[in-house]
All heavy atoms as atom14 arrays in JSON, in Angstrom:
{
  "sequence": "LSEQCCTDLNLQNGQQCEMEVQFQINRLWFCEMHKAIDDLPNLDKVFP",
  "atom14_mask": [
    [1, 1, 1, 1, 1, 1, 1, 1, 0, 0, 0, 0, 0, 0],
    [1, 1, 1, 1, 1, 1, 0, 0, 0, 0, 0, 0, 0, 0],
    [1, 1, 1, 1, 1, 1, 1, 1, 1, 0, 0, 0, 0, 0],
    [1, 1, 1, 1, 1, 1, 1, 1, 1, 0, 0, 0, 0, 0],
    [1, 1, 1, 1, 1, 1, 0, 0, 0, 0, 0, 0, 0, 0],
    [1, 1, 1, 1, 1, 1, 0, 0, 0, 0, 0, 0, 0, 0],
    [1, 1, 1, 1, 1, 1, 1, 0, 0, 0, 0, 0, 0, 0],
    [1, 1, 1, 1, 1, 1, 1, 1, 0, 0, 0, 0, 0, 0],
    [1, 1, 1, 1, 1, 1, 1, 1, 0, 0, 0, 0, 0, 0],
    [1, 1, 1, 1, 1, 1, 1, 1, 0, 0, 0, 0, 0, 0],
    [1, 1, 1, 1, 1, 1, 1, 1, 0, 0, 0, 0, 0, 0],
    [1, 1, 1, 1, 1, 1, 1, 1, 1, 0, 0, 0, 0, 0],
    [1, 1, 1, 1, 1, 1, 1, 1, 0, 0, 0, 0, 0, 0],
    [1, 1, 1, 1, 0, 0, 0, 0, 0, 0, 0, 0, 0, 0],
    [1, 1, 1, 1, 1, 1, 1, 1, 1, 0, 0, 0, 0, 0],
    [1, 1, 1, 1, 1, 1, 1, 1, 1, 0, 0, 0, 0, 0],
    [1, 1, 1, 1, 1, 1, 0, 0, 0, 0, 0, 0, 0, 0],
    [1, 1, 1, 1, 1, 1, 1, 1, 1, 0, 0, 0, 0, 0],
    [1, 1, 1, 1, 1, 1, 1, 1, 0, 0, 0, 0, 0, 0],
    [1, 1, 1, 1, 1, 1, 1, 1, 1, 0, 0, 0, 0, 0],
    [1, 1, 1, 1, 1, 1, 1, 0, 0, 0, 0, 0, 0, 0],
    [1, 1, 1, 1, 1, 1, 1, 1, 1, 0, 0, 0, 0, 0],
    [1, 1, 1, 1, 1, 1, 1, 1, 1, 1, 1, 0, 0, 0],
    [1, 1, 1, 1, 1, 1, 1, 1, 1, 0, 0, 0, 0, 0],
    [1, 1, 1, 1, 1, 1, 1, 1, 0, 0, 0, 0, 0, 0],
    [1, 1, 1, 1, 1, 1, 1, 1, 0, 0, 0, 0, 0, 0],
    [1, 1, 1, 1, 1, 1, 1, 1, 1, 1, 1, 0, 0, 0],
    [1, 1, 1, 1, 1, 1, 1, 1, 0, 0, 0, 0, 0, 0],
    [1, 1, 1, 1, 1, 1, 1, 1, 1, 1, 1, 1, 1, 1],
    [1, 1, 1, 1, 1, 1, 1, 1, 1, 1, 1, 0, 0, 0],
    [1, 1, 1, 1, 1, 1, 0, 0, 0, 0, 0, 0, 0, 0],
    [1, 1, 1, 1, 1, 1, 1, 1, 1, 0, 0, 0, 0, 0],
    [1, 1, 1, 1, 1, 1, 1, 1, 0, 0, 0, 0, 0, 0],
    [1, 1, 1, 1, 1, 1, 1, 1, 1, 1, 0, 0, 0, 0],
    [1, 1, 1, 1, 1, 1, 1, 1, 1, 0, 0, 0, 0, 0],
    [1, 1, 1, 1, 1, 0, 0, 0, 0, 0, 0, 0, 0, 0],
    [1, 1, 1, 1, 1, 1, 1, 1, 0, 0, 0, 0, 0, 0],
    [1, 1, 1, 1, 1, 1, 1, 1, 0, 0, 0, 0, 0, 0],
    [1, 1, 1, 1, 1, 1, 1, 1, 0, 0, 0, 0, 0, 0],
    [1, 1, 1, 1, 1, 1, 1, 1, 0, 0, 0, 0, 0, 0],
    [1, 1, 1, 1, 1, 1, 1, 0, 0, 0, 0, 0, 0, 0],
    [1, 1, 1, 1, 1, 1, 1, 1, 0, 0, 0, 0, 0, 0],
    [1, 1, 1, 1, 1, 1, 1, 1, 0, 0, 0, 0, 0, 0],
    [1, 1, 1, 1, 1, 1, 1, 1, 0, 0, 0, 0, 0, 0],
    [1, 1, 1, 1, 1, 1, 1, 1, 1, 0, 0, 0, 0, 0],
    [1, 1, 1, 1, 1, 1, 1, 0, 0, 0, 0, 0, 0, 0],
    [1, 1, 1, 1, 1, 1, 1, 1, 1, 1, 1, 0, 0, 0],
    [1, 1, 1, 1, 1, 1, 1, 0, 0, 0, 0, 0, 0, 0]
  ],
  "atom14_positions": [
    [[2.44, 9.5, 13.56], [1.02, 9.51, 13.95], [0.48, 10.87, 13.78], [1.15, 11.88, 14.0], [0.89, 9.02, 15.41], [1.39, 7.63, 15.69], [1.31, 7.33, 17.21], [0.68, 6.58, 14.89], [0.0, 0.0, 0.0], [0.0, 0.0, 0.0], [0.0, 0.0, 0.0], [0.0, 0.0, 0.0], [0.0, 0.0, 0.0], [0.0, 0.0, 0.0]],
    [[-0.82, 10.96, 13.48], [-1.45, 12.27, 13.35], [-1.62, 12.96, 14.71], [-1.59, 12.31, 15.74], [-2.81, 12.09, 12.68], [-3.7, 11.46, 13.58], [0.0, 0.0, 0.0], [0.0, 0.0, 0.0], [0.0, 0.0, 0.0], [0.0, 0.0, 0.0], [0.0, 0.0, 0.0], [0.0, 0.0, 0.0], [0.0, 0.0, 0.0], [0.0, 0.0, 0.0]],
    [[-1.79, 14.22, 14.64], [-1.99, 15.01, 15.88], [-3.28, 14.54, 16.54], [-3.33, 14.38, 17.77], [-2.06, 16.47, 15.55], [-2.16, 17.37, 16.78], [-2.13, 18.82, 16.42], [-1.57, 19.22, 15.37], [-2.72, 19.63, 17.19], [0.0, 0.0, 0.0], [0.0, 0.0, 0.0], [0.0, 0.0, 0.0], [0.0, 0.0, 0.0], [0.0, 0.0, 0.0]],
    [[-4.3, 14.24, 15.75], [-5.6, 13.76, 16.3], [-5.4, 12.43, 17.04], [-5.93, 12.27, 18.12], [-6.62, 13.6, 15.2], [-7.98, 13.19, 15.61], [-8.7, 14.32, 16.43], [-8.69, 15.43, 15.94], [-9.22, 13.98, 17.58], [0.0, 0.0, 0.0], [0.0, 0.0, 0.0], [0.0, 0.0, 0.0], [0.0, 0.0, 0.0], [0.0, 0.0, 0.0]],
    [[-4.63, 11.52, 16.45], [-4.35, 10.23, 17.11], [-3.65, 10.43, 18.42], [-4.05, 9.86, 19.45], [-3.51, 9.41, 16.17], [-2.97, 7.8, 16.86], [0.0, 0.0, 0.0], [0.0, 0.0, 0.0], [0.0, 0.0, 0.0], [0.0, 0.0, 0.0], [0.0, 0.0, 0.0], [0.0, 0.0, 0.0], [0.0, 0.0, 0.0], [0.0, 0.0, 0.0]],
    [[-2.63, 11.27, 18.46], [-1.85, 11.49, 19.66], [-2.74, 12.16, 20.75], [-2.63, 11.81, 21.93], [-0.66, 12.34, 19.37], [0.58, 11.52, 18.37], [0.0, 0.0, 0.0], [0.0, 0.0, 0.0], [0.0, 0.0, 0.0], [0.0, 0.0, 0.0], [0.0, 0.0, 0.0], [0.0, 0.0, 0.0], [0.0, 0.0, 0.0], [0.0, 0.0, 0.0]],
    [[-3.58, 13.09, 20.32], [-4.47, 13.74, 21.28], [-5.49, 12.78, 21.84], [-5.67, 12.7, 23.06], [-5.22, 14.94, 20.6], [-4.22, 15.84, 20.08], [-6.13, 15.64, 21.54], [0.0, 0.0, 0.0], [0.0, 0.0, 0.0], [0.0, 0.0, 0.0], [0.0, 0.0, 0.0], [0.0, 0.0, 0.0], [0.0, 0.0, 0.0], [0.0, 0.0, 0.0]],
    [[-6.14, 11.98, 20.95], [-7.18, 11.07, 21.37], [-6.65, 10.03, 22.32], [-7.27, 9.62, 23.26], [-7.83, 10.36, 20.17], [-8.69, 11.29, 19.33], [-8.91, 12.46, 19.76], [-9.14, 10.85, 18.28], [0.0, 0.0, 0.0], [0.0, 0.0, 0.0], [0.0, 0.0, 0.0], [0.0, 0.0, 0.0], [0.0, 0.0, 0.0], [0.0, 0.0, 0.0]],
    [[-5.41, 9.55, 22.04], [-4.82, 8.47, 22.84], [-3.96, 9.02, 23.98], [-3.36, 8.23, 24.75], [-4.0, 7.55, 21.94], [-4.79, 6.87, 20.81], [-3.81, 6.07, 19.95], [-5.86, 5.99, 21.36], [0.0, 0.0, 0.0], [0.0, 0.0, 0.0], [0.0, 0.0, 0.0], [0.0, 0.0, 0.0], [0.0, 0.0, 0.0], [0.0, 0.0, 0.0]],
    [[-3.9, 10.32, 24.12], [-3.08, 10.96, 25.11], [-1.64, 10.47, 25.12], [-1.05, 10.15, 26.13], [-3.71, 10.76, 26.5], [-3.21, 11.75, 27.52], [-2.71, 12.84, 27.19], [-3.23, 11.33, 28.78], [0.0, 0.0, 0.0], [0.0, 0.0, 0.0], [0.0, 0.0, 0.0], [0.0, 0.0, 0.0], [0.0, 0.0, 0.0], [0.0, 0.0, 0.0]],
    [[-1.08, 10.41, 23.89], [0.32, 9.91, 23.71], [1.3, 11.09, 23.84], [1.05, 12.19, 23.33], [0.46, 9.27, 22.34], [-0.35, 8.0, 22.11], [-0.16, 7.55, 20.67], [0.07, 6.92, 23.06], [0.0, 0.0, 0.0], [0.0, 0.0, 0.0], [0.0, 0.0, 0.0], [0.0, 0.0, 0.0], [0.0, 0.0, 0.0], [0.0, 0.0, 0.0]],
    [[2.4, 10.81, 24.51], [3.41, 11.81, 24.68], [4.66, 11.34, 23.88], [4.85, 10.15, 23.64], [3.82, 11.95, 26.19], [2.66, 12.32, 27.08], [2.07, 13.67, 26.71], [2.75, 14.61, 26.42], [0.73, 13.72, 26.72], [0.0, 0.0, 0.0], [0.0, 0.0, 0.0], [0.0, 0.0, 0.0], [0.0, 0.0, 0.0], [0.0, 0.0, 0.0]],
    [[5.5, 12.29, 23.51], [6.73, 11.97, 22.76], [7.55, 10.97, 23.58], [7.84, 11.15, 24.73], [7.51, 13.25, 22.49], [8.61, 13.0, 21.47], [8.59, 12.02, 20.75], [9.53, 13.91, 21.39], [0.0, 0.0, 0.0], [0.0, 0.0, 0.0], [0.0, 0.0, 0.0], [0.0, 0.0, 0.0], [0.0, 0.0, 0.0], [0.0, 0.0, 0.0]],
    [[7.99, 9.86, 22.92], [8.8, 8.86, 23.6], [8.03, 7.78, 24.28], [8.58, 6.75, 24.72], [0.0, 0.0, 0.0], [0.0, 0.0, 0.0], [0.0, 0.0, 0.0], [0.0, 0.0, 0.0], [0.0, 0.0, 0.0], [0.0, 0.0, 0.0], [0.0, 0.0, 0.0], [0.0, 0.0, 0.0], [0.0, 0.0, 0.0], [0.0, 0.0, 0.0]],
    [[6.73, 7.93, 24.43], [5.9, 6.93, 25.08], [5.71, 5.7, 24.16], [5.6, 5.88, 22.98], [4.55, 7.6, 25.42], [3.56, 6.64, 26.12], [2.24, 7.34, 26.4], [2.11, 8.55, 26.24], [1.26, 6.56, 26.78], [0.0, 0.0, 0.0], [0.0, 0.0, 0.0], [0.0, 0.0, 0.0], [0.0, 0.0, 0.0], [0.0, 0.0, 0.0]],
    [[5.68, 4.51, 24.79], [5.46, 3.31, 24.0], [3.99, 2.89, 24.06], [3.35, 3.01, 25.1], [6.41, 2.2, 24.5], [7.85, 2.45, 24.18], [8.7, 1.27, 24.4], [8.2, 0.15, 24.74], [10.01, 1.41, 24.29], [0.0, 0.0, 0.0], [0.0, 0.0, 0.0], [0.0, 0.0, 0.0], [0.0, 0.0, 0.0], [0.0, 0.0, 0.0]],
    [[3.52, 2.34, 22.98], [2.13, 1.94, 22.9], [2.02, 0.77, 21.9], [2.54, 0.9, 20.77], [1.28, 3.1, 22.49], [-0.46, 2.71, 22.29], [0.0, 0.0, 0.0], [0.0, 0.0, 0.0], [0.0, 0.0, 0.0], [0.0, 0.0, 0.0], [0.0, 0.0, 0.0], [0.0, 0.0, 0.0], [0.0, 0.0, 0.0], [0.0, 0.0, 0.0]],
    [[1.45, -0.35, 22.27], [1.3, -1.46, 21.35], [0.14, -1.17, 20.37], [-0.94, -0.79, 20.78], [1.01, -2.77, 22.08], [0.94, -3.99, 21.19], [0.65, -5.25, 21.95], [0.6, -5.26, 23.15], [0.48, -6.28, 21.22], [0.0, 0.0, 0.0], [0.0, 0.0, 0.0], [0.0, 0.0, 0.0], [0.0, 0.0, 0.0], [0.0, 0.0, 0.0]],
    [[0.47, -1.33, 19.08], [-0.53, -0.97, 18.06], [-0.51, -2.08, 16.97], [0.51, -2.7, 16.71], [-0.26, 0.34, 17.42], [-0.34, 1.54, 18.37], [-0.13, 3.05, 17.46], [-1.59, 3.88, 17.94], [0.0, 0.0, 0.0], [0.0, 0.0, 0.0], [0.0, 0.0, 0.0], [0.0, 0.0, 0.0], [0.0, 0.0, 0.0], [0.0, 0.0, 0.0]],
    [[-1.67, -2.26, 16.35], [-1.73, -3.11, 15.15], [-1.51, -2.12, 13.98], [-2.02, -1.0, 13.98], [-3.11, -3.73, 15.01], [-3.24, -4.51, 13.72], [-4.68, -4.95, 13.42], [-5.59, -4.12, 13.53], [-4.84, -6.13, 13.11], [0.0, 0.0, 0.0], [0.0, 0.0, 0.0], [0.0, 0.0, 0.0], [0.0, 0.0, 0.0], [0.0, 0.0, 0.0]],
    [[-0.7, -2.55, 12.97], [-0.37, -1.71, 11.88], [-0.76, -2.41, 10.6], [-0.45, -3.6, 10.43], [1.15, -1.35, 11.84], [1.48, -0.51, 10.64], [1.56, -0.67, 13.11], [0.0, 0.0, 0.0], [0.0, 0.0, 0.0], [0.0, 0.0, 0.0], [0.0, 0.0, 0.0], [0.0, 0.0, 0.0], [0.0, 0.0, 0.0], [0.0, 0.0, 0.0]],
    [[-1.43, -1.76, 9.73], [-1.73, -2.26, 8.41], [-1.17, -1.33, 7.36], [-1.48, -0.1, 7.37], [-3.29, -2.36, 8.2], [-3.66, -2.89, 6.84], [-5.16, -2.9, 6.65], [-5.78, -1.86, 6.79], [-5.71, -4.08, 6.38], [0.0, 0.0, 0.0], [0.0, 0.0, 0.0], [0.0, 0.0, 0.0], [0.0, 0.0, 0.0], [0.0, 0.0, 0.0]],
    [[-0.26, -1.82, 6.55], [0.38, -1.0, 5.52], [-0.46, -0.91, 4.28], [-1.0, -1.92, 3.84], [1.78, -1.54, 5.17], [2.72, -1.46, 6.36], [3.01, -2.57, 7.1], [3.34, -0.24, 6.71], [3.89, -2.53, 8.17], [4.18, -0.18, 7.77], [4.44, -1.33, 8.52], [0.0, 0.0, 0.0], [0.0, 0.0, 0.0], [0.0, 0.0, 0.0]],
    [[-0.58, 0.23, 3.72], [-1.31, 0.43, 2.44], [-0.24, 0.66, 1.36], [0.58, 1.58, 1.47], [-2.21, 1.64, 2.55], [-3.31, 1.52, 3.56], [-4.16, 2.74, 3.64], [-3.66, 3.84, 3.67], [-5.47, 2.58, 3.71], [0.0, 0.0, 0.0], [0.0, 0.0, 0.0], [0.0, 0.0, 0.0], [0.0, 0.0, 0.0], [0.0, 0.0, 0.0]],
    [[-0.32, -0.15, 0.3], [0.66, 0.0, -0.76], [0.11, 0.83, -1.89], [-1.11, 0.94, -2.08], [1.13, -1.35, -1.28], [-0.02, -2.17, -1.89], [1.82, -2.1, -0.22], [0.43, -3.4, -2.6], [0.0, 0.0, 0.0], [0.0, 0.0, 0.0], [0.0, 0.0, 0.0], [0.0, 0.0, 0.0], [0.0, 0.0, 0.0], [0.0, 0.0, 0.0]],
    [[0.96, 1.41, -2.69], [0.6, 2.15, -3.86], [0.42, 1.13, -5.0], [1.39, 0.54, -5.44], [1.7, 3.17, -4.21], [1.38, 3.96, -5.46], [0.38, 3.67, -6.15], [2.21, 4.9, -5.76], [0.0, 0.0, 0.0], [0.0, 0.0, 0.0], [0.0, 0.0, 0.0], [0.0, 0.0, 0.0], [0.0, 0.0, 0.0], [0.0, 0.0, 0.0]],
    [[-0.8, 0.9, -5.4], [-1.09, -0.12, -6.35], [-0.82, 0.29, -7.81], [-0.93, -0.53, -8.7], [-2.56, -0.53, -6.22], [-2.87, -1.26, -4.9], [-4.28, -1.78, -4.88], [-4.59, -2.69, -5.93], [-5.49, -2.54, -6.86], [-6.19, -1.41, -6.89], [-5.68, -3.38, -7.83], [0.0, 0.0, 0.0], [0.0, 0.0, 0.0], [0.0, 0.0, 0.0]],
    [[-0.53, 1.56, -8.02], [-0.3, 2.05, -9.43], [0.78, 1.22, -10.12], [0.63, 0.86, -11.29], [0.09, 3.5, -9.39], [0.32, 4.16, -10.78], [-0.95, 4.04, -11.63], [0.78, 5.58, -10.61], [0.0, 0.0, 0.0], [0.0, 0.0, 0.0], [0.0, 0.0, 0.0], [0.0, 0.0, 0.0], [0.0, 0.0, 0.0], [0.0, 0.0, 0.0]],
    [[1.82, 0.9, -9.45], [2.94, 0.11, -10.01], [2.44, -1.25, -10.52], [2.72, -1.66, -11.61], [4.02, -0.03, -8.92], [5.23, -0.8, -9.28], [6.22, -0.42, -10.14], [5.55, -2.11, -8.82], [7.17, -1.42, -10.2], [6.81, -2.41, -9.38], [4.96, -2.99, -7.98], [7.47, -3.63, -9.13], [5.64, -4.22, -7.68], [6.87, -4.5, -8.3]],
    [[1.63, -1.91, -9.69], [1.07, -3.22, -10.07], [0.08, -3.07, -11.21], [0.02, -3.89, -12.14], [0.4, -3.9, -8.87], [1.35, -4.19, -7.8], [1.38, -3.45, -6.61], [2.29, -5.23, -7.9], [2.27, -3.7, -5.6], [3.18, -5.46, -6.88], [3.19, -4.71, -5.75], [0.0, 0.0, 0.0], [0.0, 0.0, 0.0], [0.0, 0.0, 0.0]],
    [[-0.74, -2.03, -11.17], [-1.74, -1.8, -12.23], [-1.07, -1.52, -13.6], [-1.54, -1.99, -14.6], [-2.63, -0.58, -11.84], [-3.69, -0.91, -10.43], [0.0, 0.0, 0.0], [0.0, 0.0, 0.0], [0.0, 0.0, 0.0], [0.0, 0.0, 0.0], [0.0, 0.0, 0.0], [0.0, 0.0, 0.0], [0.0, 0.0, 0.0], [0.0, 0.0, 0.0]],
    [[0.07, -0.81, -13.56], [0.78, -0.59, -14.81], [1.37, -1.84, -15.41], [1.3, -2.05, -16.62], [1.92, 0.44, -14.58], [1.37, 1.85, -14.38], [2.48, 2.82, -13.91], [3.61, 2.39, -13.58], [2.22, 4.06, -13.94], [0.0, 0.0, 0.0], [0.0, 0.0, 0.0], [0.0, 0.0, 0.0], [0.0, 0.0, 0.0], [0.0, 0.0, 0.0]],
    [[1.85, -2.76, -14.55], [2.34, -4.06, -15.06], [1.19, -4.88, -15.63], [1.35, -5.48, -16.69], [3.06, -4.8, -13.94], [4.32, -4.18, -13.56], [5.39, -5.23, -12.52], [4.38, -5.43, -11.05], [0.0, 0.0, 0.0], [0.0, 0.0, 0.0], [0.0, 0.0, 0.0], [0.0, 0.0, 0.0], [0.0, 0.0, 0.0], [0.0, 0.0, 0.0]],
    [[0.05, -4.89, -14.98], [-1.09, -5.63, -15.5], [-1.58, -5.02, -16.81], [-1.95, -5.76, -17.73], [-2.23, -5.66, -14.45], [-2.02, -6.71, -13.4], [-2.42, -7.99, -13.52], [-1.41, -6.61, -12.18], [-2.11, -8.64, -12.47], [-1.48, -7.84, -11.62], [0.0, 0.0, 0.0], [0.0, 0.0, 0.0], [0.0, 0.0, 0.0], [0.0, 0.0, 0.0]],
    [[-1.6, -3.7, -16.91], [-2.02, -3.0, -18.13], [-1.11, -3.41, -19.28], [-1.58, -3.63, -20.41], [-2.09, -1.53, -17.95], [-2.62, -0.8, -19.16], [-2.75, 0.68, -18.94], [-3.3, 1.46, -20.09], [-3.26, 0.88, -21.42], [0.0, 0.0, 0.0], [0.0, 0.0, 0.0], [0.0, 0.0, 0.0], [0.0, 0.0, 0.0], [0.0, 0.0, 0.0]],
    [[0.17, -3.5, -19.05], [1.11, -3.87, -20.15], [0.76, -5.26, -20.69], [0.78, -5.47, -21.92], [2.54, -3.9, -19.59], [0.0, 0.0, 0.0], [0.0, 0.0, 0.0], [0.0, 0.0, 0.0], [0.0, 0.0, 0.0], [0.0, 0.0, 0.0], [0.0, 0.0, 0.0], [0.0, 0.0, 0.0], [0.0, 0.0, 0.0], [0.0, 0.0, 0.0]],
    [[0.36, -6.2, -19.87], [-0.06, -7.51, -20.31], [-1.42, -7.42, -20.99], [-1.66, -7.98, -22.06], [-0.11, -8.54, -19.13], [1.27, -8.72, -18.54], [-0.71, -9.84, -19.6], [2.28, -9.35, -19.44], [0.0, 0.0, 0.0], [0.0, 0.0, 0.0], [0.0, 0.0, 0.0], [0.0, 0.0, 0.0], [0.0, 0.0, 0.0], [0.0, 0.0, 0.0]],
    [[-2.34, -6.67, -20.44], [-3.67, -6.49, -21.0], [-3.61, -5.87, -22.36], [-4.45, -6.17, -23.22], [-4.56, -5.66, -20.07], [-4.91, -6.35, -18.77], [-4.82, -7.58, -18.72], [-5.31, -5.62, -17.83], [0.0, 0.0, 0.0], [0.0, 0.0, 0.0], [0.0, 0.0, 0.0], [0.0, 0.0, 0.0], [0.0, 0.0, 0.0], [0.0, 0.0, 0.0]],
    [[-2.65, -5.0, -22.63], [-2.54, -4.33, -23.93], [-1.89, -5.12, -25.0], [-1.87, -4.69, -26.18], [-1.77, -3.0, -23.72], [-2.59, -1.95, -23.04], [-3.79, -2.15, -22.86], [-1.96, -0.92, -22.63], [0.0, 0.0, 0.0], [0.0, 0.0, 0.0], [0.0, 0.0, 0.0], [0.0, 0.0, 0.0], [0.0, 0.0, 0.0], [0.0, 0.0, 0.0]],
    [[-1.36, -6.31, -24.71], [-0.74, -7.14, -25.74], [-1.79, -7.57, -26.75], [-2.93, -7.94, -26.35], [-0.12, -8.37, -25.08], [1.13, -8.15, -24.3], [1.59, -9.41, -23.59], [2.26, -7.65, -25.18], [0.0, 0.0, 0.0], [0.0, 0.0, 0.0], [0.0, 0.0, 0.0], [0.0, 0.0, 0.0], [0.0, 0.0, 0.0], [0.0, 0.0, 0.0]],
    [[-1.48, -7.53, -28.06], [-2.47, -7.95, -29.07], [-2.87, -9.44, -28.91], [-4.0, -9.76, -29.2], [-1.77, -7.67, -30.4], [-0.34, -7.45, -30.08], [-0.22, -7.12, -28.63], [0.0, 0.0, 0.0], [0.0, 0.0, 0.0], [0.0, 0.0, 0.0], [0.0, 0.0, 0.0], [0.0, 0.0, 0.0], [0.0, 0.0, 0.0], [0.0, 0.0, 0.0]],
    [[-1.96, -10.29, -28.54], [-2.27, -11.67, -28.22], [-1.23, -12.18, -27.24], [-0.17, -11.57, -27.01], [-2.34, -12.55, -29.45], [-0.96, -12.71, -30.17], [-0.01, -13.11, -29.52], [-0.91, -12.34, -31.43], [0.0, 0.0, 0.0], [0.0, 0.0, 0.0], [0.0, 0.0, 0.0], [0.0, 0.0, 0.0], [0.0, 0.0, 0.0], [0.0, 0.0, 0.0]],
    [[-1.56, -13.26, -26.61], [-0.71, -13.77, -25.53], [0.14, -14.98, -25.99], [0.7, -15.66, -25.13], [-1.58, -14.18, -24.32], [-2.29, -13.04, -23.67], [-3.17, -13.54, -22.51], [-1.36, -11.96, -23.14], [0.0, 0.0, 0.0], [0.0, 0.0, 0.0], [0.0, 0.0, 0.0], [0.0, 0.0, 0.0], [0.0, 0.0, 0.0], [0.0, 0.0, 0.0]],
    [[0.27, -15.2, -27.28], [1.03, -16.35, -27.78], [2.46, -16.34, -27.32], [3.06, -17.41, -27.04], [0.95, -16.44, -29.31], [-0.45, -16.73, -29.79], [-1.29, -17.11, -28.94], [-0.69, -16.55, -31.03], [0.0, 0.0, 0.0], [0.0, 0.0, 0.0], [0.0, 0.0, 0.0], [0.0, 0.0, 0.0], [0.0, 0.0, 0.0], [0.0, 0.0, 0.0]],
    [[3.12, -15.2, -27.29], [4.49, -15.08, -26.87], [4.67, -15.16, -25.37], [5.67, -15.58, -24.84], [5.13, -13.79, -27.42], [5.26, -13.73, -28.91], [6.31, -14.74, -29.38], [6.52, -14.56, -30.85], [7.16, -15.7, -31.45], [0.0, 0.0, 0.0], [0.0, 0.0, 0.0], [0.0, 0.0, 0.0], [0.0, 0.0, 0.0], [0.0, 0.0, 0.0]],
    [[3.64, -14.71, -24.67], [3.73, -14.73, -23.2], [3.41, -16.09, -22.62], [4.04, -16.61, -21.72], [2.82, -13.64, -22.59], [2.88, -13.65, -21.05], [3.21, -12.25, -23.13], [0.0, 0.0, 0.0], [0.0, 0.0, 0.0], [0.0, 0.0, 0.0], [0.0, 0.0, 0.0], [0.0, 0.0, 0.0], [0.0, 0.0, 0.0], [0.0, 0.0, 0.0]],
    [[2.32, -16.7, -23.14], [1.9, -18.0, -22.71], [1.88, -18.94, -23.97], [0.8, -19.29, -24.44], [0.54, -17.98, -22.09], [0.46, -17.16, -20.84], [-0.21, -15.94, -20.83], [1.09, -17.56, -19.68], [-0.24, -15.15, -19.7], [1.02, -16.82, -18.54], [0.38, -15.6, -18.52], [0.0, 0.0, 0.0], [0.0, 0.0, 0.0], [0.0, 0.0, 0.0]],
    [[3.07, -19.33, -24.47], [3.07, -20.15, -25.66], [2.56, -21.58, -25.44], [2.63, -22.08, -24.33], [4.57, -20.16, -26.02], [5.27, -19.98, -24.72], [4.35, -19.1, -23.91], [0.0, 0.0, 0.0], [0.0, 0.0, 0.0], [0.0, 0.0, 0.0], [0.0, 0.0, 0.0], [0.0, 0.0, 0.0], [0.0, 0.0, 0.0], [0.0, 0.0, 0.0]]
  ]
}
């Protein structure tokens, strides 16, 4: 957690607090896979 978060919430080391968590993924990996398909000259071999 950021220092600002701990300060704002008055959190101490070892203290428990219920939180909702949303993970952010690095989409570059997925974009590169999609680009590989987009760059194919035709899709006959991929979707015959």
